[in-house]
Amino acid sequence: MSQLSPLEQEVAELITQSLNLDTDPGSIDPALPLYREGLGLDSIDILELALVLSKAYGFQIKSDDPDNTQIFSSLAALAHTVEIRRTK
């Protein structure tokens, strides 16, 4: 497992807090899949997470976004999306 960047740590904390996961944010492997295998999130978790991200960082991830599979593929990919799309 690699060290989390500050933004990956921040997003990991947001994930665990908003979804009430019993996981230490710092223990999440940034390359681990978020959906199904890996962290084990389901489609409802992803929708909730998209809403939380929009409130926290000021951008929307719509359910029909063609990049959703890539965006939610891992913590690293999600943090990268936040980095390039955030408005706050």
N, C-alpha and C. Protein backbone atom coordinates (compact mmCIF):
# COMPACT_ATOMS: atom_id res chain seq x y z
N MET A 1 0.85 -1.18 0.00
CA MET A 1 0.00 0.00 0.00
C MET A 1 0.89 1.24 0.00
N SER A 2 0.53 2.19 -0.84
CA SER A 2 1.34 3.41 -0.93
C SER A 2 0.77 4.50 -0.03
N GLN A 3 1.60 5.47 0.22
CA GLN A 3 1.23 6.63 1.04
C GLN A 3 0.19 7.48 0.30
N LEU A 4 -0.80 7.96 1.00
CA LEU A 4 -1.82 8.80 0.39
C LEU A 4 -1.31 10.23 0.27
N SER A 5 -1.64 10.88 -0.84
CA SER A 5 -1.37 12.31 -0.98
C SER A 5 -2.34 13.05 -0.06
N PRO A 6 -2.08 14.33 0.24
CA PRO A 6 -3.02 15.06 1.09
C PRO A 6 -4.45 15.07 0.54
N LEU A 7 -4.60 15.23 -0.77
CA LEU A 7 -5.95 15.24 -1.34
C LEU A 7 -6.58 13.85 -1.29
N GLU A 8 -5.82 12.81 -1.54
CA GLU A 8 -6.35 11.45 -1.41
C GLU A 8 -6.79 11.18 0.01
N GLN A 9 -6.03 11.63 0.99
CA GLN A 9 -6.40 11.47 2.40
C GLN A 9 -7.71 12.20 2.69
N GLU A 10 -7.82 13.43 2.19
CA GLU A 10 -9.03 14.24 2.39
C GLU A 10 -10.25 13.55 1.78
N VAL A 11 -10.12 13.05 0.55
CA VAL A 11 -11.22 12.38 -0.12
C VAL A 11 -11.54 11.07 0.59
N ALA A 12 -10.54 10.34 1.03
CA ALA A 12 -10.76 9.09 1.77
C ALA A 12 -11.54 9.36 3.05
N GLU A 13 -11.21 10.43 3.75
CA GLU A 13 -11.94 10.79 4.96
C GLU A 13 -13.38 11.15 4.63
N LEU A 14 -13.58 11.86 3.54
CA LEU A 14 -14.93 12.21 3.10
C LEU A 14 -15.74 10.96 2.79
N ILE A 15 -15.13 10.00 2.11
CA ILE A 15 -15.79 8.74 1.77
C ILE A 15 -16.20 8.00 3.04
N THR A 16 -15.26 7.80 3.95
CA THR A 16 -15.56 7.00 5.14
C THR A 16 -16.57 7.69 6.05
N GLN A 17 -16.48 9.01 6.18
CA GLN A 17 -17.42 9.73 7.05
C GLN A 17 -18.82 9.78 6.44
N SER A 18 -18.90 10.14 5.16
CA SER A 18 -20.21 10.31 4.55
C SER A 18 -20.96 9.00 4.37
N LEU A 19 -20.23 7.90 4.19
CA LEU A 19 -20.87 6.60 3.99
C LEU A 19 -20.84 5.74 5.25
N ASN A 20 -20.37 6.33 6.36
CA ASN A 20 -20.30 5.62 7.64
C ASN A 20 -19.59 4.28 7.53
N LEU A 21 -18.45 4.30 6.85
CA LEU A 21 -17.66 3.07 6.70
C LEU A 21 -16.78 2.87 7.93
N ASP A 22 -16.67 1.64 8.34
CA ASP A 22 -15.82 1.29 9.47
C ASP A 22 -14.42 0.94 8.94
N THR A 23 -13.81 1.93 8.28
CA THR A 23 -12.50 1.76 7.65
C THR A 23 -11.66 2.98 7.98
N ASP A 24 -10.40 2.76 8.32
CA ASP A 24 -9.48 3.87 8.55
C ASP A 24 -9.17 4.50 7.19
N PRO A 25 -9.46 5.80 7.01
CA PRO A 25 -9.20 6.44 5.72
C PRO A 25 -7.76 6.28 5.24
N GLY A 26 -6.82 6.32 6.16
CA GLY A 26 -5.42 6.20 5.80
C GLY A 26 -5.01 4.82 5.35
N SER A 27 -5.89 3.84 5.58
CA SER A 27 -5.56 2.47 5.19
C SER A 27 -6.10 2.11 3.81
N ILE A 28 -6.81 3.03 3.17
CA ILE A 28 -7.36 2.76 1.85
C ILE A 28 -6.24 2.87 0.82
N ASP A 29 -6.06 1.80 0.07
CA ASP A 29 -5.07 1.79 -1.00
C ASP A 29 -5.61 2.66 -2.13
N PRO A 30 -4.85 3.69 -2.57
CA PRO A 30 -5.36 4.60 -3.60
C PRO A 30 -5.63 3.91 -4.94
N ALA A 31 -5.04 2.75 -5.17
CA ALA A 31 -5.26 2.02 -6.43
C ALA A 31 -6.40 1.00 -6.33
N LEU A 32 -6.90 0.78 -5.12
CA LEU A 32 -7.96 -0.20 -4.88
C LEU A 32 -9.27 0.27 -5.53
N PRO A 33 -9.98 -0.62 -6.22
CA PRO A 33 -11.28 -0.23 -6.78
C PRO A 33 -12.24 0.22 -5.67
N LEU A 34 -13.04 1.22 -5.96
CA LEU A 34 -14.03 1.69 -4.99
C LEU A 34 -15.32 0.90 -5.09
N TYR A 35 -15.70 0.55 -6.31
CA TYR A 35 -16.98 -0.09 -6.59
C TYR A 35 -16.86 -1.61 -6.50
N ARG A 36 -17.83 -2.24 -5.91
CA ARG A 36 -17.91 -3.69 -5.71
C ARG A 36 -16.66 -4.24 -5.04
N GLU A 37 -15.84 -5.03 -5.76
CA GLU A 37 -14.62 -5.57 -5.13
C GLU A 37 -13.76 -4.39 -4.71
N GLY A 38 -12.83 -4.61 -3.89
CA GLY A 38 -12.03 -3.51 -3.37
C GLY A 38 -12.69 -2.92 -2.14
N LEU A 39 -13.06 -1.65 -2.18
CA LEU A 39 -13.68 -1.00 -1.03
C LEU A 39 -15.12 -1.48 -0.83
N GLY A 40 -15.74 -1.99 -1.86
CA GLY A 40 -17.05 -2.61 -1.73
C GLY A 40 -18.25 -1.68 -1.83
N LEU A 41 -18.07 -0.51 -2.43
CA LEU A 41 -19.20 0.40 -2.57
C LEU A 41 -20.17 -0.12 -3.62
N ASP A 42 -21.45 0.19 -3.41
CA ASP A 42 -22.46 -0.18 -4.40
C ASP A 42 -22.95 1.08 -5.12
N SER A 43 -23.89 0.93 -6.02
CA SER A 43 -24.34 2.07 -6.83
C SER A 43 -24.98 3.16 -5.97
N ILE A 44 -25.67 2.80 -4.91
CA ILE A 44 -26.27 3.81 -4.02
C ILE A 44 -25.17 4.58 -3.30
N ASP A 45 -24.13 3.88 -2.85
CA ASP A 45 -22.98 4.55 -2.21
C ASP A 45 -22.35 5.55 -3.18
N ILE A 46 -22.20 5.16 -4.43
CA ILE A 46 -21.58 6.04 -5.43
C ILE A 46 -22.44 7.28 -5.64
N LEU A 47 -23.76 7.11 -5.70
CA LEU A 47 -24.65 8.27 -5.84
C LEU A 47 -24.53 9.21 -4.64
N GLU A 48 -24.52 8.64 -3.45
CA GLU A 48 -24.36 9.45 -2.24
C GLU A 48 -23.02 10.18 -2.25
N LEU A 49 -21.99 9.48 -2.64
CA LEU A 49 -20.66 10.07 -2.69
C LEU A 49 -20.60 11.20 -3.71
N ALA A 50 -21.23 11.03 -4.85
CA ALA A 50 -21.26 12.10 -5.87
C ALA A 50 -21.93 13.35 -5.31
N LEU A 51 -22.98 13.19 -4.53
CA LEU A 51 -23.67 14.32 -3.91
C LEU A 51 -22.77 15.01 -2.88
N VAL A 52 -22.11 14.24 -2.06
CA VAL A 52 -21.21 14.78 -1.05
C VAL A 52 -20.06 15.54 -1.71
N LEU A 53 -19.50 14.97 -2.76
CA LEU A 53 -18.41 15.63 -3.49
C LEU A 53 -18.87 16.95 -4.09
N SER A 54 -20.08 16.98 -4.62
CA SER A 54 -20.58 18.22 -5.22
C SER A 54 -20.72 19.32 -4.18
N LYS A 55 -21.16 18.95 -2.99
CA LYS A 55 -21.28 19.94 -1.91
C LYS A 55 -19.92 20.39 -1.39
N ALA A 56 -19.00 19.45 -1.27
CA ALA A 56 -17.70 19.75 -0.68
C ALA A 56 -16.78 20.50 -1.64
N TYR A 57 -16.87 20.17 -2.93
CA TYR A 57 -15.89 20.71 -3.87
C TYR A 57 -16.48 21.57 -4.98
N GLY A 58 -17.80 21.73 -5.02
CA GLY A 58 -18.43 22.66 -5.94
C GLY A 58 -18.52 22.23 -7.39
N PHE A 59 -18.57 20.94 -7.64
CA PHE A 59 -18.78 20.47 -9.01
C PHE A 59 -19.69 19.26 -8.98
N GLN A 60 -20.40 19.04 -10.07
CA GLN A 60 -21.34 17.92 -10.13
C GLN A 60 -20.78 16.77 -10.95
N ILE A 61 -21.07 15.58 -10.49
CA ILE A 61 -20.82 14.37 -11.26
C ILE A 61 -22.20 13.80 -11.54
N LYS A 62 -22.66 13.96 -12.76
CA LYS A 62 -24.00 13.50 -13.12
C LYS A 62 -24.01 12.00 -13.36
N SER A 63 -25.15 11.40 -13.13
CA SER A 63 -25.26 9.94 -13.27
C SER A 63 -25.01 9.47 -14.70
N ASP A 64 -25.21 10.35 -15.68
CA ASP A 64 -25.00 9.96 -17.07
C ASP A 64 -23.64 10.42 -17.61
N ASP A 65 -22.75 10.86 -16.73
CA ASP A 65 -21.41 11.27 -17.15
C ASP A 65 -20.69 10.05 -17.73
N PRO A 66 -20.22 10.14 -18.97
CA PRO A 66 -19.56 8.98 -19.58
C PRO A 66 -18.25 8.60 -18.89
N ASP A 67 -17.71 9.47 -18.07
CA ASP A 67 -16.45 9.20 -17.37
C ASP A 67 -16.64 8.58 -15.99
N ASN A 68 -17.86 8.29 -15.58
CA ASN A 68 -18.12 7.80 -14.23
C ASN A 68 -17.34 6.53 -13.88
N THR A 69 -17.24 5.61 -14.83
CA THR A 69 -16.51 4.38 -14.56
C THR A 69 -15.07 4.70 -14.20
N GLN A 70 -14.45 5.61 -14.93
CA GLN A 70 -13.07 6.02 -14.65
C GLN A 70 -12.99 6.84 -13.36
N ILE A 71 -13.90 7.79 -13.19
CA ILE A 71 -13.88 8.67 -12.02
C ILE A 71 -13.90 7.86 -10.72
N PHE A 72 -14.78 6.87 -10.64
CA PHE A 72 -14.94 6.09 -9.42
C PHE A 72 -14.16 4.77 -9.44
N SER A 73 -13.18 4.67 -10.32
CA SER A 73 -12.43 3.42 -10.43
C SER A 73 -11.51 3.19 -9.24
N SER A 74 -11.04 4.27 -8.61
CA SER A 74 -10.15 4.15 -7.45
C SER A 74 -10.12 5.46 -6.69
N LEU A 75 -9.56 5.43 -5.51
CA LEU A 75 -9.38 6.65 -4.73
C LEU A 75 -8.48 7.63 -5.48
N ALA A 76 -7.42 7.12 -6.10
CA ALA A 76 -6.50 7.99 -6.84
C ALA A 76 -7.22 8.68 -8.00
N ALA A 77 -8.05 7.94 -8.74
CA ALA A 77 -8.79 8.52 -9.86
C ALA A 77 -9.80 9.55 -9.36
N LEU A 78 -10.46 9.26 -8.26
CA LEU A 78 -11.45 10.18 -7.70
C LEU A 78 -10.77 11.47 -7.22
N ALA A 79 -9.65 11.33 -6.53
CA ALA A 79 -8.91 12.51 -6.07
C ALA A 79 -8.41 13.34 -7.25
N HIS A 80 -7.99 12.69 -8.32
CA HIS A 80 -7.54 13.41 -9.52
C HIS A 80 -8.70 14.20 -10.12
N THR A 81 -9.89 13.60 -10.17
CA THR A 81 -11.07 14.29 -10.68
C THR A 81 -11.39 15.51 -9.83
N VAL A 82 -11.33 15.34 -8.51
CA VAL A 82 -11.57 16.47 -7.60
C VAL A 82 -10.56 17.57 -7.88
N GLU A 83 -9.31 17.20 -8.04
CA GLU A 83 -8.25 18.19 -8.28
C GLU A 83 -8.50 19.02 -9.53
N ILE A 84 -8.95 18.39 -10.61
CA ILE A 84 -9.11 19.14 -11.85
C ILE A 84 -10.47 19.81 -12.00
N ARG A 85 -11.50 19.34 -11.29
CA ARG A 85 -12.85 19.89 -11.45
C ARG A 85 -13.30 20.80 -10.32
N ARG A 86 -12.62 20.79 -9.21
CA ARG A 86 -13.11 21.51 -8.03
C ARG A 86 -13.20 23.02 -8.29
N THR A 87 -14.21 23.63 -7.69
CA THR A 87 -14.36 25.09 -7.75
C THR A 87 -14.20 25.71 -6.38
N LYS A 88 -14.13 24.87 -5.33
CA LYS A 88 -13.89 25.38 -3.98
C LYS A 88 -13.03 24.44 -3.19
